[in-house]
PDB file of N, CA and C in Angstrom:
ATOM      1  N   UNK A   1      36.277  43.359  -9.552  1.00  0.00           N
ATOM      2  CA  UNK A   1      36.024  41.943  -9.328  1.00  0.00           C
ATOM      3  C   UNK A   1      37.256  41.298  -8.698  1.00  0.00           C
ATOM      4  N   UNK A   2      37.048  40.570  -7.640  1.00  0.00           N
ATOM      5  CA  UNK A   2      38.136  39.872  -6.964  1.00  0.00           C
ATOM      6  C   UNK A   2      38.215  38.459  -7.500  1.00  0.00           C
ATOM      7  N   UNK A   3      39.393  38.118  -7.995  1.00  0.00           N
ATOM      8  CA  UNK A   3      39.521  36.750  -8.492  1.00  0.00           C
ATOM      9  C   UNK A   3      39.764  35.800  -7.328  1.00  0.00           C
ATOM     10  N   UNK A   4      39.436  34.554  -7.556  1.00  0.00           N
ATOM     11  CA  UNK A   4      39.601  33.509  -6.565  1.00  0.00           C
ATOM     12  C   UNK A   4      40.828  32.683  -6.937  1.00  0.00           C
ATOM     13  N   UNK A   5      41.719  32.488  -5.985  1.00  0.00           N
ATOM     14  CA  UNK A   5      42.882  31.628  -6.182  1.00  0.00           C
ATOM     15  C   UNK A   5      42.658  30.343  -5.394  1.00  0.00           C
ATOM     16  N   UNK A   6      42.920  29.235  -6.052  1.00  0.00           N
ATOM     17  CA  UNK A   6      42.797  27.919  -5.428  1.00  0.00           C
ATOM     18  C   UNK A   6      44.177  27.283  -5.407  1.00  0.00           C
ATOM     19  N   UNK A   7      44.562  26.774  -4.245  1.00  0.00           N
ATOM     20  CA  UNK A   7      45.784  25.995  -4.115  1.00  0.00           C
ATOM     21  C   UNK A   7      45.355  24.617  -3.615  1.00  0.00           C
ATOM     22  N   UNK A   8      45.548  23.625  -4.461  1.00  0.00           N
ATOM     23  CA  UNK A   8      45.142  22.255  -4.120  1.00  0.00           C
ATOM     24  C   UNK A   8      46.382  21.382  -4.037  1.00  0.00           C
ATOM     25  N   UNK A   9      46.571  20.746  -2.897  1.00  0.00           N
ATOM     26  CA  UNK A   9      47.690  19.831  -2.680  1.00  0.00           C
ATOM     27  C   UNK A   9      47.179  18.406  -2.689  1.00  0.00           C
ATOM     28  N   UNK A  10      47.760  17.603  -3.559  1.00  0.00           N
ATOM     29  CA  UNK A  10      47.380  16.197  -3.684  1.00  0.00           C
ATOM     30  C   UNK A  10      48.630  15.373  -3.430  1.00  0.00           C
ATOM     31  N   UNK A  11      48.567  14.460  -2.485  1.00  0.00           N
ATOM     32  CA  UNK A  11      49.693  13.563  -2.229  1.00  0.00           C
ATOM     33  C   UNK A  11      49.231  12.153  -2.556  1.00  0.00           C
ATOM     34  N   UNK A  12      49.893  11.579  -3.565  1.00  0.00           N
ATOM     35  CA  UNK A  12      49.574  10.221  -3.994  1.00  0.00           C
ATOM     36  C   UNK A  12      50.242   9.212  -3.081  1.00  0.00           C
ATOM     37  N   UNK A  13      49.653   8.045  -2.992  1.00  0.00           N
ATOM     38  CA  UNK A  13      50.342   6.941  -2.311  1.00  0.00           C
ATOM     39  C   UNK A  13      51.567   6.592  -3.149  1.00  0.00           C
ATOM     40  N   UNK A  14      52.646   6.176  -2.473  1.00  0.00           N
ATOM     41  CA  UNK A  14      53.922   5.955  -3.158  1.00  0.00           C
ATOM     42  C   UNK A  14      53.826   5.024  -4.356  1.00  0.00           C
ATOM     43  N   UNK A  15      52.980   4.035  -4.284  1.00  0.00           N
ATOM     44  CA  UNK A  15      52.872   3.084  -5.394  1.00  0.00           C
ATOM     45  C   UNK A  15      51.814   3.494  -6.425  1.00  0.00           C
ATOM     46  N   UNK A  16      51.260   4.703  -6.276  1.00  0.00           N
ATOM     47  CA  UNK A  16      50.206   5.174  -7.176  1.00  0.00           C
ATOM     48  C   UNK A  16      50.545   6.505  -7.851  1.00  0.00           C
ATOM     49  N   UNK A  17      51.795   6.931  -7.770  1.00  0.00           N
ATOM     50  CA  UNK A  17      52.200   8.244  -8.286  1.00  0.00           C
ATOM     51  C   UNK A  17      51.859   8.399  -9.761  1.00  0.00           C
ATOM     52  N   UNK A  18      52.223   7.440 -10.579  1.00  0.00           N
ATOM     53  CA  UNK A  18      51.998   7.573 -12.025  1.00  0.00           C
ATOM     54  C   UNK A  18      50.511   7.578 -12.370  1.00  0.00           C
ATOM     55  N   UNK A  19      49.726   6.778 -11.679  1.00  0.00           N
ATOM     56  CA  UNK A  19      48.279   6.782 -11.910  1.00  0.00           C
ATOM     57  C   UNK A  19      47.696   8.153 -11.603  1.00  0.00           C
ATOM     58  N   UNK A  20      48.015   8.683 -10.432  1.00  0.00           N
ATOM     59  CA  UNK A  20      47.474   9.980 -10.027  1.00  0.00           C
ATOM     60  C   UNK A  20      47.937  11.062 -10.994  1.00  0.00           C
ATOM     61  N   UNK A  21      49.202  11.045 -11.368  1.00  0.00           N
ATOM     62  CA  UNK A  21      49.729  12.048 -12.307  1.00  0.00           C
ATOM     63  C   UNK A  21      48.994  11.980 -13.643  1.00  0.00           C
ATOM     64  N   UNK A  22      48.814  10.792 -14.163  1.00  0.00           N
ATOM     65  CA  UNK A  22      48.115  10.612 -15.437  1.00  0.00           C
ATOM     66  C   UNK A  22      46.701  11.166 -15.366  1.00  0.00           C
ATOM     67  N   UNK A  23      46.014  10.877 -14.269  1.00  0.00           N
ATOM     68  CA  UNK A  23      44.628  11.351 -14.113  1.00  0.00           C
ATOM     69  C   UNK A  23      44.574  12.863 -13.918  1.00  0.00           C
ATOM     70  N   UNK A  24      45.533  13.437 -13.199  1.00  0.00           N
ATOM     71  CA  UNK A  24      45.573  14.895 -13.026  1.00  0.00           C
ATOM     72  C   UNK A  24      45.819  15.585 -14.356  1.00  0.00           C
ATOM     73  N   UNK A  25      46.709  15.041 -15.148  1.00  0.00           N
ATOM     74  CA  UNK A  25      47.013  15.635 -16.456  1.00  0.00           C
ATOM     75  C   UNK A  25      45.779  15.660 -17.359  1.00  0.00           C
ATOM     76  N   UNK A  26      44.904  14.686 -17.220  1.00  0.00           N
ATOM     77  CA  UNK A  26      43.680  14.649 -18.020  1.00  0.00           C
ATOM     78  C   UNK A  26      42.752  15.834 -17.730  1.00  0.00           C
ATOM     79  N   UNK A  27      42.877  16.421 -16.552  1.00  0.00           N
ATOM     80  CA  UNK A  27      41.997  17.519 -16.148  1.00  0.00           C
ATOM     81  C   UNK A  27      42.375  18.859 -16.778  1.00  0.00           C
ATOM     82  N   UNK A  28      43.621  18.995 -17.203  1.00  0.00           N
ATOM     83  CA  UNK A  28      44.140  20.314 -17.553  1.00  0.00           C
ATOM     84  C   UNK A  28      43.448  20.939 -18.758  1.00  0.00           C
ATOM     85  N   UNK A  29      43.461  20.285 -19.881  1.00  0.00           N
ATOM     86  CA  UNK A  29      42.920  20.897 -21.103  1.00  0.00           C
ATOM     87  C   UNK A  29      41.441  21.240 -20.966  1.00  0.00           C
ATOM     88  N   UNK A  30      40.663  20.314 -20.445  1.00  0.00           N
ATOM     89  CA  UNK A  30      39.224  20.543 -20.316  1.00  0.00           C
ATOM     90  C   UNK A  30      38.927  21.663 -19.310  1.00  0.00           C
ATOM     91  N   UNK A  31      39.690  21.719 -18.222  1.00  0.00           N
ATOM     92  CA  UNK A  31      39.460  22.761 -17.220  1.00  0.00           C
ATOM     93  C   UNK A  31      39.877  24.124 -17.735  1.00  0.00           C
ATOM     94  N   UNK A  32      40.999  24.204 -18.424  1.00  0.00           N
ATOM     95  CA  UNK A  32      41.444  25.496 -18.965  1.00  0.00           C
ATOM     96  C   UNK A  32      40.436  26.091 -19.943  1.00  0.00           C
ATOM     97  N   UNK A  33      39.605  25.250 -20.551  1.00  0.00           N
ATOM     98  CA  UNK A  33      38.598  25.721 -21.494  1.00  0.00           C
ATOM     99  C   UNK A  33      37.301  26.161 -20.807  1.00  0.00           C
ATOM    100  N   UNK A  34      37.184  25.922 -19.513  1.00  0.00           N
ATOM    101  CA  UNK A  34      35.957  26.264 -18.794  1.00  0.00           C
ATOM    102  C   UNK A  34      35.815  27.771 -18.614  1.00  0.00           C
ATOM    103  N   UNK A  35      34.567  28.208 -18.611  1.00  0.00           N
ATOM    104  CA  UNK A  35      34.276  29.616 -18.358  1.00  0.00           C
ATOM    105  C   UNK A  35      34.788  30.000 -16.972  1.00  0.00           C
ATOM    106  N   UNK A  36      35.490  31.112 -16.887  1.00  0.00           N
ATOM    107  CA  UNK A  36      35.972  31.618 -15.613  1.00  0.00           C
ATOM    108  C   UNK A  36      37.370  31.178 -15.237  1.00  0.00           C
ATOM    109  N   UNK A  37      37.921  30.195 -15.943  1.00  0.00           N
ATOM    110  CA  UNK A  37      39.271  29.735 -15.618  1.00  0.00           C
ATOM    111  C   UNK A  37      40.299  30.699 -16.202  1.00  0.00           C
ATOM    112  N   UNK A  38      41.104  31.287 -15.340  1.00  0.00           N
ATOM    113  CA  UNK A  38      42.189  32.179 -15.769  1.00  0.00           C
ATOM    114  C   UNK A  38      43.450  31.352 -15.995  1.00  0.00           C
ATOM    115  N   UNK A  39      43.781  30.516 -15.035  1.00  0.00           N
ATOM    116  CA  UNK A  39      44.884  29.570 -15.193  1.00  0.00           C
ATOM    117  C   UNK A  39      44.635  28.354 -14.311  1.00  0.00           C
ATOM    118  N   UNK A  40      45.225  27.243 -14.736  1.00  0.00           N
ATOM    119  CA  UNK A  40      45.042  25.957 -14.056  1.00  0.00           C
ATOM    120  C   UNK A  40      46.348  25.208 -14.264  1.00  0.00           C
ATOM    121  N   UNK A  41      47.266  25.378 -13.330  1.00  0.00           N
ATOM    122  CA  UNK A  41      48.642  24.917 -13.499  1.00  0.00           C
ATOM    123  C   UNK A  41      48.980  23.815 -12.508  1.00  0.00           C
ATOM    124  N   UNK A  42      49.478  22.704 -13.040  1.00  0.00           N
ATOM    125  CA  UNK A  42      49.849  21.554 -12.232  1.00  0.00           C
ATOM    126  C   UNK A  42      51.354  21.538 -12.006  1.00  0.00           C
ATOM    127  N   UNK A  43      51.753  21.270 -10.765  1.00  0.00           N
ATOM    128  CA  UNK A  43      53.168  21.192 -10.387  1.00  0.00           C
ATOM    129  C   UNK A  43      53.416  19.867  -9.671  1.00  0.00           C
ATOM    130  N   UNK A  44      54.658  19.389  -9.770  1.00  0.00           N
ATOM    131  CA  UNK A  44      55.078  18.178  -9.055  1.00  0.00           C
ATOM    132  C   UNK A  44      56.328  18.539  -8.261  1.00  0.00           C
ATOM    133  N   UNK A  45      56.330  18.189  -6.989  1.00  0.00           N
ATOM    134  CA  UNK A  45      57.437  18.514  -6.089  1.00  0.00           C
ATOM    135  C   UNK A  45      58.723  17.820  -6.532  1.00  0.00           C
ATOM    136  N   UNK A  46      59.804  18.570  -6.599  1.00  0.00           N
ATOM    137  CA  UNK A  46      61.094  18.013  -7.018  1.00  0.00           C
ATOM    138  C   UNK A  46      61.662  17.020  -6.011  1.00  0.00           C
ATOM    139  N   UNK A  47      61.419  17.244  -4.732  1.00  0.00           N
ATOM    140  CA  UNK A  47      61.973  16.370  -3.697  1.00  0.00           C
ATOM    141  C   UNK A  47      61.039  15.214  -3.347  1.00  0.00           C
ATOM    142  N   UNK A  48      59.748  15.397  -3.588  1.00  0.00           N
ATOM    143  CA  UNK A  48      58.756  14.373  -3.265  1.00  0.00           C
ATOM    144  C   UNK A  48      57.816  14.208  -4.449  1.00  0.00           C
ATOM    145  N   UNK A  49      58.111  13.296  -5.370  1.00  0.00           N
ATOM    146  CA  UNK A  49      57.306  13.164  -6.581  1.00  0.00           C
ATOM    147  C   UNK A  49      55.860  12.735  -6.335  1.00  0.00           C
ATOM    148  N   UNK A  50      55.533  12.328  -5.129  1.00  0.00           N
ATOM    149  CA  UNK A  50      54.144  11.973  -4.806  1.00  0.00           C
ATOM    150  C   UNK A  50      53.285  13.208  -4.552  1.00  0.00           C
ATOM    151  N   UNK A  51      53.919  14.369  -4.390  1.00  0.00           N
ATOM    152  CA  UNK A  51      53.206  15.604  -4.050  1.00  0.00           C
ATOM    153  C   UNK A  51      52.947  16.430  -5.311  1.00  0.00           C
ATOM    154  N   UNK A  52      51.672  16.643  -5.576  1.00  0.00           N
ATOM    155  CA  UNK A  52      51.248  17.469  -6.705  1.00  0.00           C
ATOM    156  C   UNK A  52      50.531  18.697  -6.173  1.00  0.00           C
ATOM    157  N   UNK A  53      50.618  19.791  -6.913  1.00  0.00           N
ATOM    158  CA  UNK A  53      49.967  21.026  -6.509  1.00  0.00           C
ATOM    159  C   UNK A  53      49.319  21.662  -7.728  1.00  0.00           C
ATOM    160  N   UNK A  54      48.038  21.965  -7.605  1.00  0.00           N
ATOM    161  CA  UNK A  54      47.356  22.776  -8.609  1.00  0.00           C
ATOM    162  C   UNK A  54      47.305  24.202  -8.095  1.00  0.00           C
ATOM    163  N   UNK A  55      47.737  25.137  -8.942  1.00  0.00           N
ATOM    164  CA  UNK A  55      47.603  26.566  -8.665  1.00  0.00           C
ATOM    165  C   UNK A  55      46.626  27.087  -9.705  1.00  0.00           C
ATOM    166  N   UNK A  56      45.486  27.579  -9.225  1.00  0.00           N
ATOM    167  CA  UNK A  56      44.393  27.957 -10.110  1.00  0.00           C
ATOM    168  C   UNK A  56      43.923  29.366  -9.797  1.00  0.00           C
ATOM    169  N   UNK A  57      43.489  30.071 -10.826  1.00  0.00           N
ATOM    170  CA  UNK A  57      42.825  31.349 -10.648  1.00  0.00           C
ATOM    171  C   UNK A  57      41.537  31.339 -11.452  1.00  0.00           C
ATOM    172  N   UNK A  58      40.481  31.827 -10.798  1.00  0.00           N
ATOM    173  CA  UNK A  58      39.141  31.847 -11.380  1.00  0.00           C
ATOM    174  C   UNK A  58      38.568  33.249 -11.274  1.00  0.00           C
ATOM    175  N   UNK A  59      37.725  33.618 -12.227  1.00  0.00           N
ATOM    176  CA  UNK A  59      37.138  34.960 -12.205  1.00  0.00           C
ATOM    177  C   UNK A  59      36.115  35.118 -11.084  1.00  0.00           C
ATOM    178  N   UNK A  60      35.537  33.991 -10.620  1.00  0.00           N
ATOM    179  CA  UNK A  60      34.587  34.070  -9.508  1.00  0.00           C
ATOM    180  C   UNK A  60      34.495  32.722  -8.809  1.00  0.00           C
ATOM    181  N   UNK A  61      34.051  32.767  -7.561  1.00  0.00           N
ATOM    182  CA  UNK A  61      33.850  31.533  -6.807  1.00  0.00           C
ATOM    183  C   UNK A  61      32.733  30.705  -7.429  1.00  0.00           C
ATOM    184  N   UNK A  62      31.721  31.388  -7.950  1.00  0.00           N
ATOM    185  CA  UNK A  62      30.589  30.688  -8.554  1.00  0.00           C
ATOM    186  C   UNK A  62      31.033  29.835  -9.742  1.00  0.00           C
ATOM    187  N   UNK A  63      31.894  30.391 -10.601  1.00  0.00           N
ATOM    188  CA  UNK A  63      32.370  29.624 -11.753  1.00  0.00           C
ATOM    189  C   UNK A  63      33.303  28.502 -11.318  1.00  0.00           C
ATOM    190  N   UNK A  64      34.071  28.701 -10.250  1.00  0.00           N
ATOM    191  CA  UNK A  64      34.896  27.621  -9.718  1.00  0.00           C
ATOM    192  C   UNK A  64      34.006  26.499  -9.170  1.00  0.00           C
ATOM    193  N   UNK A  65      32.926  26.877  -8.519  1.00  0.00           N
ATOM    194  CA  UNK A  65      31.994  25.880  -7.995  1.00  0.00           C
ATOM    195  C   UNK A  65      31.366  25.072  -9.134  1.00  0.00           C
ATOM    196  N   UNK A  66      31.083  25.734 -10.249  1.00  0.00           N
ATOM    197  CA  UNK A  66      30.592  25.018 -11.422  1.00  0.00           C
ATOM    198  C   UNK A  66      31.634  23.993 -11.872  1.00  0.00           C
ATOM    199  N   UNK A  67      32.884  24.414 -11.919  1.00  0.00           N
ATOM    200  CA  UNK A  67      33.987  23.510 -12.269  1.00  0.00           C
ATOM    201  C   UNK A  67      34.007  22.304 -11.331  1.00  0.00           C
ATOM    202  N   UNK A  68      33.858  22.553 -10.044  1.00  0.00           N
ATOM    203  CA  UNK A  68      33.930  21.476  -9.058  1.00  0.00           C
ATOM    204  C   UNK A  68      32.815  20.440  -9.241  1.00  0.00           C
ATOM    205  N   UNK A  69      31.729  20.831  -9.862  1.00  0.00           N
ATOM    206  CA  UNK A  69      30.627  19.909 -10.083  1.00  0.00           C
ATOM    207  C   UNK A  69      30.657  19.210 -11.436  1.00  0.00           C
ATOM    208  N   UNK A  70      31.672  19.487 -12.232  1.00  0.00           N
ATOM    209  CA  UNK A  70      31.725  18.928 -13.583  1.00  0.00           C
ATOM    210  C   UNK A  70      32.062  17.444 -13.591  1.00  0.00           C
ATOM    211  N   UNK A  71      31.655  16.788 -14.655  1.00  0.00           N
ATOM    212  CA  UNK A  71      31.829  15.350 -14.820  1.00  0.00           C
ATOM    213  C   UNK A  71      33.288  14.925 -14.773  1.00  0.00           C
ATOM    214  N   UNK A  72      34.185  15.706 -15.375  1.00  0.00           N
ATOM    215  CA  UNK A  72      35.594  15.290 -15.425  1.00  0.00           C
ATOM    216  C   UNK A  72      36.215  15.187 -14.032  1.00  0.00           C
ATOM    217  N   UNK A  73      35.763  15.981 -13.091  1.00  0.00           N
ATOM    218  CA  UNK A  73      36.284  15.841 -11.728  1.00  0.00           C
ATOM    219  C   UNK A  73      35.742  14.584 -11.060  1.00  0.00           C
ATOM    220  N   UNK A  74      34.501  14.256 -11.328  1.00  0.00           N
ATOM    221  CA  UNK A  74      33.929  13.009 -10.796  1.00  0.00           C
ATOM    222  C   UNK A  74      34.667  11.805 -11.380  1.00  0.00           C
ATOM    223  N   UNK A  75      35.015  11.888 -12.653  1.00  0.00           N
ATOM    224  CA  UNK A  75      35.767  10.804 -13.288  1.00  0.00           C
ATOM    225  C   UNK A  75      37.159  10.665 -12.671  1.00  0.00           C
ATOM    226  N   UNK A  76      37.801  11.806 -12.385  1.00  0.00           N
ATOM    227  CA  UNK A  76      39.109  11.779 -11.716  1.00  0.00           C
ATOM    228  C   UNK A  76      38.984  11.103 -10.351  1.00  0.00           C
ATOM    229  N   UNK A  77      37.976  11.488  -9.587  1.00  0.00           N
ATOM    230  CA  UNK A  77      37.784  10.921  -8.244  1.00  0.00           C
ATOM    231  C   UNK A  77      37.587   9.403  -8.315  1.00  0.00           C
ATOM    232  N   UNK A  78      36.806   8.947  -9.270  1.00  0.00           N
ATOM    233  CA  UNK A  78      36.569   7.512  -9.417  1.00  0.00           C
ATOM    234  C   UNK A  78      37.849   6.788  -9.824  1.00  0.00           C
ATOM    235  N   UNK A  79      38.606   7.381 -10.736  1.00  0.00           N
ATOM    236  CA  UNK A  79      39.824   6.737 -11.245  1.00  0.00           C
ATOM    237  C   UNK A  79      40.922   6.650 -10.193  1.00  0.00           C
ATOM    238  N   UNK A  80      40.923   7.603  -9.243  1.00  0.00           N
ATOM    239  CA  UNK A  80      42.002   7.647  -8.249  1.00  0.00           C
ATOM    240  C   UNK A  80      41.550   7.203  -6.859  1.00  0.00           C
ATOM    241  N   UNK A  81      40.372   6.655  -6.777  1.00  0.00           N
ATOM    242  CA  UNK A  81      39.870   6.200  -5.474  1.00  0.00           C
ATOM    243  C   UNK A  81      40.866   5.219  -4.842  1.00  0.00           C
ATOM    244  N   UNK A  82      41.285   5.520  -3.612  1.00  0.00           N
ATOM    245  CA  UNK A  82      42.237   4.686  -2.898  1.00  0.00           C
ATOM    246  C   UNK A  82      43.693   4.942  -3.249  1.00  0.00           C
ATOM    247  N   UNK A  83      43.961   5.841  -4.209  1.00  0.00           N
ATOM    248  CA  UNK A  83      45.331   6.110  -4.662  1.00  0.00           C
ATOM    249  C   UNK A  83      45.921   7.385  -4.064  1.00  0.00           C
ATOM    250  N   UNK A  84      45.086   8.189  -3.417  1.00  0.00           N
ATOM    251  CA  UNK A  84      45.530   9.469  -2.864  1.00  0.00           C
ATOM    252  C   UNK A  84      45.665   9.355  -1.354  1.00  0.00           C
ATOM    253  N   UNK A  85      46.850   9.738  -0.871  1.00  0.00           N
ATOM    254  CA  UNK A  85      47.134   9.719   0.578  1.00  0.00           C
ATOM    255  C   UNK A  85      46.445  10.880   1.280  1.00  0.00           C
ATOM    256  N   UNK A  86      46.556  12.081   0.681  1.00  0.00           N
ATOM    257  CA  UNK A  86      45.925  13.251   1.290  1.00  0.00           C
ATOM    258  C   UNK A  86      45.604  14.291   0.229  1.00  0.00           C
ATOM    259  N   UNK A  87      44.622  15.123   0.568  1.00  0.00           N
ATOM    260  CA  UNK A  87      44.185  16.199  -0.320  1.00  0.00           C
ATOM    261  C   UNK A  87      43.804  17.383   0.553  1.00  0.00           C
ATOM    262  N   UNK A  88      44.403  18.539   0.262  1.00  0.00           N
ATOM    263  CA  UNK A  88      44.004  19.768   0.950  1.00  0.00           C
ATOM    264  C   UNK A  88      43.763  20.839  -0.096  1.00  0.00           C
ATOM    265  N   UNK A  89      42.804  21.689   0.178  1.00  0.00           N
ATOM    266  CA  UNK A  89      42.435  22.745  -0.752  1.00  0.00           C
ATOM    267  C   UNK A  89      42.283  24.034   0.016  1.00  0.00           C
ATOM    268  N   UNK A  90      42.890  25.087  -0.514  1.00  0.00           N
ATOM    269  CA  UNK A  90      42.763  26.412   0.084  1.00  0.00           C
ATOM    270  C   UNK A  90      42.141  27.360  -0.926  1.00  0.00           C
ATOM    271  N   UNK A  91      41.075  28.034  -0.511  1.00  0.00           N
ATOM    272  CA  UNK A  91      40.481  29.113  -1.302  1.00  0.00           C
ATOM    273  C   UNK A  91      41.128  30.403  -0.809  1.00  0.00           C
ATOM    274  N   UNK A  92      41.709  31.146  -1.718  1.00  0.00           N
ATOM    275  CA  UNK A  92      42.446  32.339  -1.328  1.00  0.00           C
ATOM    276  C   UNK A  92      42.024  33.535  -2.182  1.00  0.00           C
ATOM    277  N   UNK A  93      42.213  34.724  -1.643  1.00  0.00           N
ATOM    278  CA  UNK A  93      41.947  35.954  -2.360  1.00  0.00           C
ATOM    279  C   UNK A  93      43.259  36.618  -2.719  1.00  0.00           C
ATOM    280  N   UNK A  94      43.402  36.952  -3.986  1.00  0.00           N
ATOM    281  CA  UNK A  94      44.602  37.640  -4.457  1.00  0.00           C
ATOM    282  C   UNK A  94      44.551  39.075  -3.945  1.00  0.00           C
ATOM    283  N   UNK A  95      45.567  39.483  -3.185  1.00  0.00           N
ATOM    284  CA  UNK A  95      45.548  40.825  -2.589  1.00  0.00           C
ATOM    285  C   UNK A  95      46.630  41.753  -3.128  1.00  0.00           C
ATOM    286  N   UNK A  96      47.624  41.231  -3.804  1.00  0.00           N
ATOM    287  CA  UNK A  96      48.655  42.120  -4.371  1.00  0.00           C
ATOM    288  C   UNK A  96      49.388  41.418  -5.494  1.00  0.00           C
TER     289      UNK A  96
END
């Protein structure tokens, strides 16, 4: 079985850093308990505190897709509407 690695980059607007951070932190415990989640780790850039990165590993793309449809992510999106400057997501395959 090939695990799926997700790298999500979230850049908050400068005046919304604490809001975005607070809302991202709310996702951790509930997501780590989801079926298929191997790890779900949040990082904050040392040089640019507006830049957050989630490094995630999932047992399958299907279970990650289930995660993406969960209520807590919709709640995060609603809470941070207008507070995020940019968001990029990469689906990657662990090869070594």
